[in-house]
Amino acid sequence: MPQNNTMRLLYFTVMSICLVSSNTHAQIDEAKAEELVKNAHCLNDQSIENVLKDKFKTHSQRDLGWQVFKEQDQFDVERAFLMSKSMQLRFRWHVTSEGLILPDGSRAKSLCIDQ
């Protein structure tokens, strides 16, 4: 009988992990991907969003906001600033279906490095 209880516990544990894992994947959509990037840890215990706000708080740049693009099984999250009529600065990250955030390009990579 103890072996039967052990098997039940093991089955319940495995099913719970599968359910949580599948719910995590299902919950990542455009809004969640954007939220993950905005709130990701960056410099001096600040989020990416706060570091970008501090970096571009002068009125000479126009904030073009956040955009999210779905690319196959992941999302690309981008924040853009208009520096002049012809120059834009773009910061872009990939968000995988597991919620992993990967910087795309030198601007996003260098944003959270203390220089």
PDB file of N, CA and C in Angstrom:
ATOM      1  N   MET A   1       0.800  -1.209   0.000  1.00  0.00           N
ATOM      2  CA  MET A   1       0.000   0.000   0.000  1.00  0.00           C
ATOM      3  C   MET A   1       0.843   1.275   0.000  1.00  0.00           C
ATOM      4  N   PRO A   2       1.957   1.362   0.761  1.00  0.00           N
ATOM      5  CA  PRO A   2       2.773   2.566   0.744  1.00  0.00           C
ATOM      6  C   PRO A   2       3.302   2.872  -0.663  1.00  0.00           C
ATOM      7  N   GLN A   3       3.596   1.830  -1.424  1.00  0.00           N
ATOM      8  CA  GLN A   3       4.099   2.050  -2.773  1.00  0.00           C
ATOM      9  C   GLN A   3       3.018   2.714  -3.636  1.00  0.00           C
ATOM     10  N   ASN A   4       1.763   2.340  -3.424  1.00  0.00           N
ATOM     11  CA  ASN A   4       0.656   2.940  -4.169  1.00  0.00           C
ATOM     12  C   ASN A   4       0.535   4.430  -3.841  1.00  0.00           C
ATOM     13  N   ASN A   5       0.681   4.798  -2.569  1.00  0.00           N
ATOM     14  CA  ASN A   5       0.634   6.207  -2.168  1.00  0.00           C
ATOM     15  C   ASN A   5       1.810   6.984  -2.763  1.00  0.00           C
ATOM     16  N   THR A   6       2.973   6.371  -2.801  1.00  0.00           N
ATOM     17  CA  THR A   6       4.144   6.999  -3.394  1.00  0.00           C
ATOM     18  C   THR A   6       3.915   7.261  -4.873  1.00  0.00           C
ATOM     19  N   MET A   7       3.337   6.302  -5.567  1.00  0.00           N
ATOM     20  CA  MET A   7       3.050   6.466  -6.988  1.00  0.00           C
ATOM     21  C   MET A   7       2.024   7.575  -7.207  1.00  0.00           C
ATOM     22  N   ARG A   8       1.020   7.643  -6.357  1.00  0.00           N
ATOM     23  CA  ARG A   8       0.020   8.715  -6.461  1.00  0.00           C
ATOM     24  C   ARG A   8       0.665  10.086  -6.265  1.00  0.00           C
ATOM     25  N   LEU A   9       1.526  10.184  -5.256  1.00  0.00           N
ATOM     26  CA  LEU A   9       2.219  11.439  -4.981  1.00  0.00           C
ATOM     27  C   LEU A   9       3.115  11.829  -6.158  1.00  0.00           C
ATOM     28  N   LEU A  10       3.842  10.869  -6.695  1.00  0.00           N
ATOM     29  CA  LEU A  10       4.701  11.128  -7.841  1.00  0.00           C
ATOM     30  C   LEU A  10       3.866  11.574  -9.046  1.00  0.00           C
ATOM     31  N   TYR A  11       2.765  10.891  -9.307  1.00  0.00           N
ATOM     32  CA  TYR A  11       1.880  11.249 -10.419  1.00  0.00           C
ATOM     33  C   TYR A  11       1.322  12.661 -10.226  1.00  0.00           C
ATOM     34  N   PHE A  12       0.869  12.980  -9.023  1.00  0.00           N
ATOM     35  CA  PHE A  12       0.324  14.304  -8.725  1.00  0.00           C
ATOM     36  C   PHE A  12       1.391  15.378  -8.927  1.00  0.00           C
ATOM     37  N   THR A  13       2.610  15.116  -8.452  1.00  0.00           N
ATOM     38  CA  THR A  13       3.698  16.082  -8.587  1.00  0.00           C
ATOM     39  C   THR A  13       4.025  16.338 -10.049  1.00  0.00           C
ATOM     40  N   VAL A  14       4.156  15.274 -10.829  1.00  0.00           N
ATOM     41  CA  VAL A  14       4.474  15.418 -12.251  1.00  0.00           C
ATOM     42  C   VAL A  14       3.357  16.150 -12.975  1.00  0.00           C
ATOM     43  N   MET A  15       2.124  15.823 -12.702  1.00  0.00           N
ATOM     44  CA  MET A  15       0.992  16.491 -13.356  1.00  0.00           C
ATOM     45  C   MET A  15       0.920  17.964 -12.961  1.00  0.00           C
ATOM     46  N   SER A  16       1.218  18.279 -11.720  1.00  0.00           N
ATOM     47  CA  SER A  16       1.215  19.674 -11.265  1.00  0.00           C
ATOM     48  C   SER A  16       2.284  20.480 -11.981  1.00  0.00           C
ATOM     49  N   ILE A  17       3.461  19.893 -12.117  1.00  0.00           N
ATOM     50  CA  ILE A  17       4.547  20.577 -12.809  1.00  0.00           C
ATOM     51  C   ILE A  17       4.171  20.811 -14.270  1.00  0.00           C
ATOM     52  N   CYS A  18       3.588  19.810 -14.908  1.00  0.00           N
ATOM     53  CA  CYS A  18       3.160  19.959 -16.304  1.00  0.00           C
ATOM     54  C   CYS A  18       2.098  21.036 -16.444  1.00  0.00           C
ATOM     55  N   LEU A  19       1.160  21.071 -15.520  1.00  0.00           N
ATOM     56  CA  LEU A  19       0.090  22.066 -15.571  1.00  0.00           C
ATOM     57  C   LEU A  19       0.648  23.472 -15.383  1.00  0.00           C
ATOM     58  N   VAL A  20       1.515  23.650 -14.404  1.00  0.00           N
ATOM     59  CA  VAL A  20       2.120  24.962 -14.164  1.00  0.00           C
ATOM     60  C   VAL A  20       2.954  25.374 -15.367  1.00  0.00           C
ATOM     61  N   SER A  21       3.708  24.446 -15.915  1.00  0.00           N
ATOM     62  CA  SER A  21       4.547  24.744 -17.071  1.00  0.00           C
ATOM     63  C   SER A  21       3.708  25.137 -18.279  1.00  0.00           C
ATOM     64  N   SER A  22       2.639  24.415 -18.540  1.00  0.00           N
ATOM     65  CA  SER A  22       1.802  24.747 -19.700  1.00  0.00           C
ATOM     66  C   SER A  22       1.066  26.062 -19.481  1.00  0.00           C
ATOM     67  N   ASN A  23       0.665  26.373 -18.245  1.00  0.00           N
ATOM     68  CA  ASN A  23       0.015  27.652 -17.965  1.00  0.00           C
ATOM     69  C   ASN A  23       0.979  28.810 -18.125  1.00  0.00           C
ATOM     70  N   THR A  24       2.240  28.599 -17.751  1.00  0.00           N
ATOM     71  CA  THR A  24       3.241  29.644 -17.909  1.00  0.00           C
ATOM     72  C   THR A  24       3.416  29.972 -19.382  1.00  0.00           C
ATOM     73  N   HIS A  25       3.501  28.940 -20.218  1.00  0.00           N
ATOM     74  CA  HIS A  25       3.652  29.172 -21.651  1.00  0.00           C
ATOM     75  C   HIS A  25       2.419  29.843 -22.230  1.00  0.00           C
ATOM     76  N   ALA A  26       1.256  29.437 -21.774  1.00  0.00           N
ATOM     77  CA  ALA A  26       0.019  29.991 -22.317  1.00  0.00           C
ATOM     78  C   ALA A  26      -0.180  31.438 -21.887  1.00  0.00           C
ATOM     79  N   GLN A  27       0.391  31.821 -20.769  1.00  0.00           N
ATOM     80  CA  GLN A  27       0.169  33.157 -20.240  1.00  0.00           C
ATOM     81  C   GLN A  27       1.033  34.214 -20.911  1.00  0.00           C
ATOM     82  N   ILE A  28       2.058  33.821 -21.657  1.00  0.00           N
ATOM     83  CA  ILE A  28       2.909  34.828 -22.287  1.00  0.00           C
ATOM     84  C   ILE A  28       2.245  35.283 -23.580  1.00  0.00           C
ATOM     85  N   ASP A  29       1.840  36.536 -23.565  1.00  0.00           N
ATOM     86  CA  ASP A  29       1.267  37.164 -24.748  1.00  0.00           C
ATOM     87  C   ASP A  29       1.978  38.497 -24.919  1.00  0.00           C
ATOM     88  N   GLU A  30       1.490  39.347 -25.815  1.00  0.00           N
ATOM     89  CA  GLU A  30       2.150  40.622 -26.078  1.00  0.00           C
ATOM     90  C   GLU A  30       2.265  41.481 -24.821  1.00  0.00           C
ATOM     91  N   ALA A  31       1.186  41.568 -24.066  1.00  0.00           N
ATOM     92  CA  ALA A  31       1.190  42.405 -22.860  1.00  0.00           C
ATOM     93  C   ALA A  31       2.150  41.862 -21.804  1.00  0.00           C
ATOM     94  N   LYS A  32       2.172  40.548 -21.624  1.00  0.00           N
ATOM     95  CA  LYS A  32       3.058  39.929 -20.635  1.00  0.00           C
ATOM     96  C   LYS A  32       4.518  40.086 -21.055  1.00  0.00           C
ATOM     97  N   ALA A  33       4.806  39.927 -22.345  1.00  0.00           N
ATOM     98  CA  ALA A  33       6.176  40.089 -22.841  1.00  0.00           C
ATOM     99  C   ALA A  33       6.670  41.513 -22.590  1.00  0.00           C
ATOM    100  N   GLU A  34       5.823  42.498 -22.881  1.00  0.00           N
ATOM    101  CA  GLU A  34       6.189  43.891 -22.635  1.00  0.00           C
ATOM    102  C   GLU A  34       6.432  44.134 -21.150  1.00  0.00           C
ATOM    103  N   GLU A  35       5.564  43.615 -20.315  1.00  0.00           N
ATOM    104  CA  GLU A  35       5.698  43.782 -18.864  1.00  0.00           C
ATOM    105  C   GLU A  35       6.991  43.155 -18.352  1.00  0.00           C
ATOM    106  N   LEU A  36       7.337  41.969 -18.863  1.00  0.00           N
ATOM    107  CA  LEU A  36       8.571  41.300 -18.446  1.00  0.00           C
ATOM    108  C   LEU A  36       9.794  42.154 -18.757  1.00  0.00           C
ATOM    109  N   VAL A  37       9.830  42.725 -19.963  1.00  0.00           N
ATOM    110  CA  VAL A  37      10.980  43.554 -20.348  1.00  0.00           C
ATOM    111  C   VAL A  37      11.006  44.839 -19.521  1.00  0.00           C
ATOM    112  N   LYS A  38       9.882  45.519 -19.413  1.00  0.00           N
ATOM    113  CA  LYS A  38       9.841  46.769 -18.653  1.00  0.00           C
ATOM    114  C   LYS A  38      10.336  46.589 -17.225  1.00  0.00           C
ATOM    115  N   ASN A  39       9.978  45.490 -16.600  1.00  0.00           N
ATOM    116  CA  ASN A  39      10.284  45.266 -15.189  1.00  0.00           C
ATOM    117  C   ASN A  39      11.575  44.492 -14.950  1.00  0.00           C
ATOM    118  N   ALA A  40      12.269  44.129 -16.019  1.00  0.00           N
ATOM    119  CA  ALA A  40      13.516  43.376 -15.860  1.00  0.00           C
ATOM    120  C   ALA A  40      14.551  44.226 -15.125  1.00  0.00           C
ATOM    121  N   HIS A  41      15.327  43.579 -14.308  1.00  0.00           N
ATOM    122  CA  HIS A  41      16.363  44.249 -13.505  1.00  0.00           C
ATOM    123  C   HIS A  41      17.440  44.805 -14.424  1.00  0.00           C
ATOM    124  N   CYS A  42      17.860  46.035 -14.152  1.00  0.00           N
ATOM    125  CA  CYS A  42      18.875  46.688 -14.976  1.00  0.00           C
ATOM    126  C   CYS A  42      19.944  47.278 -14.062  1.00  0.00           C
ATOM    127  N   LEU A  43      20.182  48.564 -14.098  1.00  0.00           N
ATOM    128  CA  LEU A  43      21.228  49.216 -13.314  1.00  0.00           C
ATOM    129  C   LEU A  43      20.720  49.750 -11.979  1.00  0.00           C
ATOM    130  N   ASN A  44      21.576  49.685 -10.975  1.00  0.00           N
ATOM    131  CA  ASN A  44      21.288  50.279  -9.661  1.00  0.00           C
ATOM    132  C   ASN A  44      19.914  49.904  -9.133  1.00  0.00           C
ATOM    133  N   ASP A  45      19.573  48.636  -9.257  1.00  0.00           N
ATOM    134  CA  ASP A  45      18.282  48.111  -8.796  1.00  0.00           C
ATOM    135  C   ASP A  45      17.091  48.801  -9.450  1.00  0.00           C
ATOM    136  N   GLN A  46      17.265  49.310 -10.643  1.00  0.00           N
ATOM    137  CA  GLN A  46      16.169  49.913 -11.404  1.00  0.00           C
ATOM    138  C   GLN A  46      15.737  48.945 -12.503  1.00  0.00           C
ATOM    139  N   SER A  47      14.520  49.131 -12.961  1.00  0.00           N
ATOM    140  CA  SER A  47      14.021  48.336 -14.074  1.00  0.00           C
ATOM    141  C   SER A  47      14.511  48.933 -15.392  1.00  0.00           C
ATOM    142  N   ILE A  48      14.384  48.168 -16.464  1.00  0.00           N
ATOM    143  CA  ILE A  48      14.746  48.666 -17.793  1.00  0.00           C
ATOM    144  C   ILE A  48      13.936  49.919 -18.105  1.00  0.00           C
ATOM    145  N   GLU A  49      12.648  49.897 -17.781  1.00  0.00           N
ATOM    146  CA  GLU A  49      11.801  51.061 -18.066  1.00  0.00           C
ATOM    147  C   GLU A  49      12.313  52.317 -17.353  1.00  0.00           C
ATOM    148  N   ASN A  50      12.678  52.194 -16.089  1.00  0.00           N
ATOM    149  CA  ASN A  50      13.161  53.359 -15.345  1.00  0.00           C
ATOM    150  C   ASN A  50      14.505  53.855 -15.855  1.00  0.00           C
ATOM    151  N   VAL A  51      15.387  52.946 -16.251  1.00  0.00           N
ATOM    152  CA  VAL A  51      16.677  53.359 -16.792  1.00  0.00           C
ATOM    153  C   VAL A  51      16.468  54.125 -18.098  1.00  0.00           C
ATOM    154  N   LEU A  52      15.555  53.644 -18.949  1.00  0.00           N
ATOM    155  CA  LEU A  52      15.278  54.353 -20.200  1.00  0.00           C
ATOM    156  C   LEU A  52      14.647  55.717 -19.935  1.00  0.00           C
ATOM    157  N   LYS A  53      13.749  55.799 -18.957  1.00  0.00           N
ATOM    158  CA  LYS A  53      13.146  57.091 -18.607  1.00  0.00           C
ATOM    159  C   LYS A  53      14.209  58.082 -18.153  1.00  0.00           C
ATOM    160  N   ASP A  54      15.134  57.620 -17.317  1.00  0.00           N
ATOM    161  CA  ASP A  54      16.205  58.496 -16.829  1.00  0.00           C
ATOM    162  C   ASP A  54      17.152  58.908 -17.949  1.00  0.00           C
ATOM    163  N   LYS A  55      17.438  57.979 -18.832  1.00  0.00           N
ATOM    164  CA  LYS A  55      18.382  58.233 -19.915  1.00  0.00           C
ATOM    165  C   LYS A  55      17.844  59.245 -20.921  1.00  0.00           C
ATOM    166  N   PHE A  56      16.533  59.215 -21.163  1.00  0.00           N
ATOM    167  CA  PHE A  56      15.930  60.077 -22.177  1.00  0.00           C
ATOM    168  C   PHE A  56      14.872  60.999 -21.567  1.00  0.00           C
ATOM    169  N   LYS A  57      15.219  61.651 -20.469  1.00  0.00           N
ATOM    170  CA  LYS A  57      14.234  62.518 -19.827  1.00  0.00           C
ATOM    171  C   LYS A  57      14.256  63.946 -20.340  1.00  0.00           C
ATOM    172  N   THR A  58      15.193  64.274 -21.215  1.00  0.00           N
ATOM    173  CA  THR A  58      15.203  65.632 -21.771  1.00  0.00           C
ATOM    174  C   THR A  58      14.105  65.747 -22.815  1.00  0.00           C
ATOM    175  N   HIS A  59      13.670  66.954 -23.071  1.00  0.00           N
ATOM    176  CA  HIS A  59      12.550  67.171 -23.981  1.00  0.00           C
ATOM    177  C   HIS A  59      12.965  67.225 -25.446  1.00  0.00           C
ATOM    178  N   SER A  60      14.253  67.118 -25.728  1.00  0.00           N
ATOM    179  CA  SER A  60      14.690  67.188 -27.126  1.00  0.00           C
ATOM    180  C   SER A  60      14.436  65.875 -27.872  1.00  0.00           C
ATOM    181  N   GLN A  61      14.212  64.780 -27.129  1.00  0.00           N
ATOM    182  CA  GLN A  61      13.894  63.511 -27.771  1.00  0.00           C
ATOM    183  C   GLN A  61      12.411  63.208 -27.597  1.00  0.00           C
ATOM    184  N   ARG A  62      11.839  62.627 -28.624  1.00  0.00           N
ATOM    185  CA  ARG A  62      10.435  62.242 -28.552  1.00  0.00           C
ATOM    186  C   ARG A  62      10.348  60.745 -28.283  1.00  0.00           C
ATOM    187  N   ASP A  63       9.618  60.391 -27.250  1.00  0.00           N
ATOM    188  CA  ASP A  63       9.434  58.987 -26.888  1.00  0.00           C
ATOM    189  C   ASP A  63       8.387  58.377 -27.815  1.00  0.00           C
ATOM    190  N   LEU A  64       8.783  57.370 -28.578  1.00  0.00           N
ATOM    191  CA  LEU A  64       7.858  56.688 -29.479  1.00  0.00           C
ATOM    192  C   LEU A  64       7.180  55.492 -28.810  1.00  0.00           C
ATOM    193  N   GLY A  65       7.536  55.236 -27.573  1.00  0.00           N
ATOM    194  CA  GLY A  65       6.853  54.210 -26.787  1.00  0.00           C
ATOM    195  C   GLY A  65       7.328  52.791 -27.036  1.00  0.00           C
ATOM    196  N   TRP A  66       6.572  51.866 -26.452  1.00  0.00           N
ATOM    197  CA  TRP A  66       6.857  50.437 -26.534  1.00  0.00           C
ATOM    198  C   TRP A  66       6.055  49.826 -27.671  1.00  0.00           C
ATOM    199  N   GLN A  67       6.671  48.867 -28.339  1.00  0.00           N
ATOM    200  CA  GLN A  67       5.980  48.068 -29.348  1.00  0.00           C
ATOM    201  C   GLN A  67       6.357  46.613 -29.149  1.00  0.00           C
ATOM    202  N   VAL A  68       5.402  45.723 -29.447  1.00  0.00           N
ATOM    203  CA  VAL A  68       5.649  44.294 -29.320  1.00  0.00           C
ATOM    204  C   VAL A  68       5.303  43.628 -30.648  1.00  0.00           C
ATOM    205  N   PHE A  69       6.200  42.761 -31.106  1.00  0.00           N
ATOM    206  CA  PHE A  69       6.009  42.031 -32.345  1.00  0.00           C
ATOM    207  C   PHE A  69       6.097  40.540 -32.055  1.00  0.00           C
ATOM    208  N   LYS A  70       5.138  39.784 -32.562  1.00  0.00           N
ATOM    209  CA  LYS A  70       5.182  38.330 -32.383  1.00  0.00           C
ATOM    210  C   LYS A  70       5.984  37.728 -33.521  1.00  0.00           C
ATOM    211  N   GLU A  71       6.989  36.944 -33.155  1.00  0.00           N
ATOM    212  CA  GLU A  71       7.860  36.272 -34.124  1.00  0.00           C
ATOM    213  C   GLU A  71       7.864  34.783 -33.790  1.00  0.00           C
ATOM    214  N   GLN A  72       7.106  33.987 -34.526  1.00  0.00           N
ATOM    215  CA  GLN A  72       6.981  32.550 -34.321  1.00  0.00           C
ATOM    216  C   GLN A  72       6.580  32.259 -32.877  1.00  0.00           C
ATOM    217  N   ASP A  73       7.459  31.624 -32.091  1.00  0.00           N
ATOM    218  CA  ASP A  73       7.103  31.261 -30.716  1.00  0.00           C
ATOM    219  C   ASP A  73       7.676  32.225 -29.681  1.00  0.00           C
ATOM    220  N   GLN A  74       8.120  33.388 -30.122  1.00  0.00           N
ATOM    221  CA  GLN A  74       8.652  34.377 -29.180  1.00  0.00           C
ATOM    222  C   GLN A  74       8.124  35.755 -29.542  1.00  0.00           C
ATOM    223  N   PHE A  75       8.444  36.725 -28.695  1.00  0.00           N
ATOM    224  CA  PHE A  75       8.037  38.110 -28.923  1.00  0.00           C
ATOM    225  C   PHE A  75       9.274  38.984 -28.985  1.00  0.00           C
ATOM    226  N   ASP A  76       9.228  40.007 -29.802  1.00  0.00           N
ATOM    227  CA  ASP A  76      10.244  41.044 -29.822  1.00  0.00           C
ATOM    228  C   ASP A  76       9.615  42.287 -29.218  1.00  0.00           C
ATOM    229  N   VAL A  77      10.252  42.818 -28.184  1.00  0.00           N
ATOM    230  CA  VAL A  77       9.754  43.999 -27.477  1.00  0.00           C
ATOM    231  C   VAL A  77      10.744  45.131 -27.750  1.00  0.00           C
ATOM    232  N   GLU A  78      10.206  46.278 -28.165  1.00  0.00           N
ATOM    233  CA  GLU A  78      11.060  47.384 -28.581  1.00  0.00           C
ATOM    234  C   GLU A  78      10.614  48.697 -27.962  1.00  0.00           C
ATOM    235  N   ARG A  79      11.590  49.513 -27.604  1.00  0.00           N
ATOM    236  CA  ARG A  79      11.321  50.881 -27.158  1.00  0.00           C
ATOM    237  C   ARG A  79      12.103  51.803 -28.076  1.00  0.00           C
ATOM    238  N   ALA A  80      11.446  52.810 -28.627  1.00  0.00           N
ATOM    239  CA  ALA A  80      12.088  53.698 -29.599  1.00  0.00           C
ATOM    240  C   ALA A  80      11.971  55.150 -29.168  1.00  0.00           C
ATOM    241  N   PHE A  81      12.989  55.907 -29.536  1.00  0.00           N
ATOM    242  CA  PHE A  81      13.042  57.349 -29.284  1.00  0.00           C
ATOM    243  C   PHE A  81      13.420  58.041 -30.582  1.00  0.00           C
ATOM    244  N   LEU A  82      12.750  59.141 -30.889  1.00  0.00           N
ATOM    245  CA  LEU A  82      13.065  59.945 -32.055  1.00  0.00           C
ATOM    246  C   LEU A  82      14.033  61.036 -31.622  1.00  0.00           C
ATOM    247  N   MET A  83      15.247  60.974 -32.166  1.00  0.00           N
ATOM    248  CA  MET A  83      16.288  61.920 -31.772  1.00  0.00           C
ATOM    249  C   MET A  83      16.254  63.175 -32.642  1.00  0.00           C
ATOM    250  N   SER A  84      15.950  62.997 -33.899  1.00  0.00           N
ATOM    251  CA  SER A  84      15.803  64.098 -34.847  1.00  0.00           C
ATOM    252  C   SER A  84      14.824  63.614 -35.917  1.00  0.00           C
ATOM    253  N   LYS A  85      14.599  64.409 -36.924  1.00  0.00           N
ATOM    254  CA  LYS A  85      13.635  64.019 -37.957  1.00  0.00           C
ATOM    255  C   LYS A  85      14.017  62.716 -38.653  1.00  0.00           C
ATOM    256  N   SER A  86      15.295  62.421 -38.689  1.00  0.00           N
ATOM    257  CA  SER A  86      15.728  61.235 -39.430  1.00  0.00           C
ATOM    258  C   SER A  86      16.427  60.176 -38.574  1.00  0.00           C
ATOM    259  N   MET A  87      16.590  60.400 -37.287  1.00  0.00           N
ATOM    260  CA  MET A  87      17.323  59.446 -36.457  1.00  0.00           C
ATOM    261  C   MET A  87      16.470  58.927 -35.312  1.00  0.00           C
ATOM    262  N   GLN A  88      16.361  57.602 -35.257  1.00  0.00           N
ATOM    263  CA  GLN A  88      15.658  56.946 -34.161  1.00  0.00           C
ATOM    264  C   GLN A  88      16.631  56.050 -33.415  1.00  0.00           C
ATOM    265  N   LEU A  89      16.479  55.987 -32.108  1.00  0.00           N
ATOM    266  CA  LEU A  89      17.210  55.019 -31.291  1.00  0.00           C
ATOM    267  C   LEU A  89      16.223  53.934 -30.893  1.00  0.00           C
ATOM    268  N   ARG A  90      16.587  52.692 -31.144  1.00  0.00           N
ATOM    269  CA  ARG A  90      15.715  51.568 -30.821  1.00  0.00           C
ATOM    270  C   ARG A  90      16.438  50.608 -29.888  1.00  0.00           C
ATOM    271  N   PHE A  91      15.744  50.202 -28.855  1.00  0.00           N
ATOM    272  CA  PHE A  91      16.227  49.199 -27.916  1.00  0.00           C
ATOM    273  C   PHE A  91      15.285  48.006 -28.061  1.00  0.00           C
ATOM    274  N   ARG A  92      15.845  46.812 -28.316  1.00  0.00           N
ATOM    275  CA  ARG A  92      14.995  45.655 -28.627  1.00  0.00           C
ATOM    276  C   ARG A  92      15.453  44.425 -27.853  1.00  0.00           C
ATOM    277  N   TRP A  93      14.469  43.660 -27.374  1.00  0.00           N
ATOM    278  CA  TRP A  93      14.707  42.422 -26.641  1.00  0.00           C
ATOM    279  C   TRP A  93      13.823  41.319 -27.209  1.00  0.00           C
ATOM    280  N   HIS A  94      14.316  40.080 -27.157  1.00  0.00           N
ATOM    281  CA  HIS A  94      13.522  38.902 -27.490  1.00  0.00           C
ATOM    282  C   HIS A  94      13.002  38.331 -26.177  1.00  0.00           C
ATOM    283  N   VAL A  95      11.751  37.923 -26.160  1.00  0.00           N
ATOM    284  CA  VAL A  95      11.173  37.232 -25.009  1.00  0.00           C
ATOM    285  C   VAL A  95      10.728  35.869 -25.500  1.00  0.00           C
ATOM    286  N   THR A  96      11.326  34.807 -24.945  1.00  0.00           N
ATOM    287  CA  THR A  96      10.988  33.452 -25.363  1.00  0.00           C
ATOM    288  C   THR A  96       9.660  33.023 -24.744  1.00  0.00           C
ATOM    289  N   SER A  97       9.145  31.918 -25.218  1.00  0.00           N
ATOM    290  CA  SER A  97       7.877  31.407 -24.682  1.00  0.00           C
ATOM    291  C   SER A  97       8.005  31.008 -23.219  1.00  0.00           C
ATOM    292  N   GLU A  98       9.225  30.800 -22.736  1.00  0.00           N
ATOM    293  CA  GLU A  98       9.457  30.489 -21.320  1.00  0.00           C
ATOM    294  C   GLU A  98       9.616  31.743 -20.475  1.00  0.00           C
ATOM    295  N   GLY A  99       9.626  32.926 -21.105  1.00  0.00           N
ATOM    296  CA  GLY A  99       9.766  34.177 -20.371  1.00  0.00           C
ATOM    297  C   GLY A  99      11.188  34.663 -20.233  1.00  0.00           C
ATOM    298  N   LEU A 100      12.132  34.032 -20.924  1.00  0.00           N
ATOM    299  CA  LEU A 100      13.528  34.452 -20.894  1.00  0.00           C
ATOM    300  C   LEU A 100      13.698  35.700 -21.753  1.00  0.00           C
ATOM    301  N   ILE A 101      14.391  36.704 -21.225  1.00  0.00           N
ATOM    302  CA  ILE A 101      14.593  37.979 -21.920  1.00  0.00           C
ATOM    303  C   ILE A 101      16.023  38.035 -22.437  1.00  0.00           C
ATOM    304  N   LEU A 102      16.151  38.251 -23.752  1.00  0.00           N
ATOM    305  CA  LEU A 102      17.468  38.318 -24.382  1.00  0.00           C
ATOM    306  C   LEU A 102      17.604  39.644 -25.127  1.00  0.00           C
ATOM    307  N   PRO A 103      18.629  40.438 -24.824  1.00  0.00           N
ATOM    308  CA  PRO A 103      18.804  41.706 -25.551  1.00  0.00           C
ATOM    309  C   PRO A 103      19.150  41.434 -27.007  1.00  0.00           C
ATOM    310  N   ASP A 104      18.643  42.275 -27.890  1.00  0.00           N
ATOM    311  CA  ASP A 104      18.905  42.157 -29.316  1.00  0.00           C
ATOM    312  C   ASP A 104      19.590  43.441 -29.781  1.00  0.00           C
ATOM    313  N   GLY A 105      20.838  43.346 -30.132  1.00  0.00           N
ATOM    314  CA  GLY A 105      21.571  44.513 -30.595  1.00  0.00           C
ATOM    315  C   GLY A 105      22.407  45.144 -29.503  1.00  0.00           C
ATOM    316  N   SER A 106      23.348  45.969 -29.936  1.00  0.00           N
ATOM    317  CA  SER A 106      24.307  46.561 -29.002  1.00  0.00           C
ATOM    318  C   SER A 106      23.667  47.546 -28.031  1.00  0.00           C
ATOM    319  N   ARG A 107      22.636  48.271 -28.459  1.00  0.00           N
ATOM    320  CA  ARG A 107      22.005  49.242 -27.555  1.00  0.00           C
ATOM    321  C   ARG A 107      21.359  48.546 -26.362  1.00  0.00           C
ATOM    322  N   ALA A 108      20.578  47.521 -26.631  1.00  0.00           N
ATOM    323  CA  ALA A 108      19.916  46.802 -25.539  1.00  0.00           C
ATOM    324  C   ALA A 108      20.934  46.083 -24.669  1.00  0.00           C
ATOM    325  N   LYS A 109      21.982  45.535 -25.273  1.00  0.00           N
ATOM    326  CA  LYS A 109      23.024  44.829 -24.507  1.00  0.00           C
ATOM    327  C   LYS A 109      23.771  45.787 -23.582  1.00  0.00           C
ATOM    328  N   SER A 110      24.059  46.993 -24.060  1.00  0.00           N
ATOM    329  CA  SER A 110      24.864  47.923 -23.271  1.00  0.00           C
ATOM    330  C   SER A 110      24.032  48.754 -22.281  1.00  0.00           C
ATOM    331  N   LEU A 111      22.723  48.732 -22.414  1.00  0.00           N
ATOM    332  CA  LEU A 111      21.870  49.556 -21.554  1.00  0.00           C
ATOM    333  C   LEU A 111      22.061  49.249 -20.079  1.00  0.00           C
ATOM    334  N   CYS A 112      22.176  47.986 -19.730  1.00  0.00           N
ATOM    335  CA  CYS A 112      22.245  47.593 -18.321  1.00  0.00           C
ATOM    336  C   CYS A 112      23.657  47.259 -17.858  1.00  0.00           C
ATOM    337  N   ILE A 113      24.642  47.764 -18.592  1.00  0.00           N
ATOM    338  CA  ILE A 113      26.040  47.581 -18.182  1.00  0.00           C
ATOM    339  C   ILE A 113      26.526  48.906 -17.620  1.00  0.00           C
ATOM    340  N   ASP A 114      27.053  48.853 -16.404  1.00  0.00           N
ATOM    341  CA  ASP A 114      27.567  50.062 -15.756  1.00  0.00           C
ATOM    342  C   ASP A 114      28.839  50.504 -16.459  1.00  0.00           C
ATOM    343  N   GLN A 115      28.805  51.676 -17.061  1.00  0.00           N
ATOM    344  CA  GLN A 115      29.960  52.153 -17.836  1.00  0.00           C
ATOM    345  C   GLN A 115      30.651  53.288 -17.163  1.00  0.00           C
TER     346      GLN A 115
END
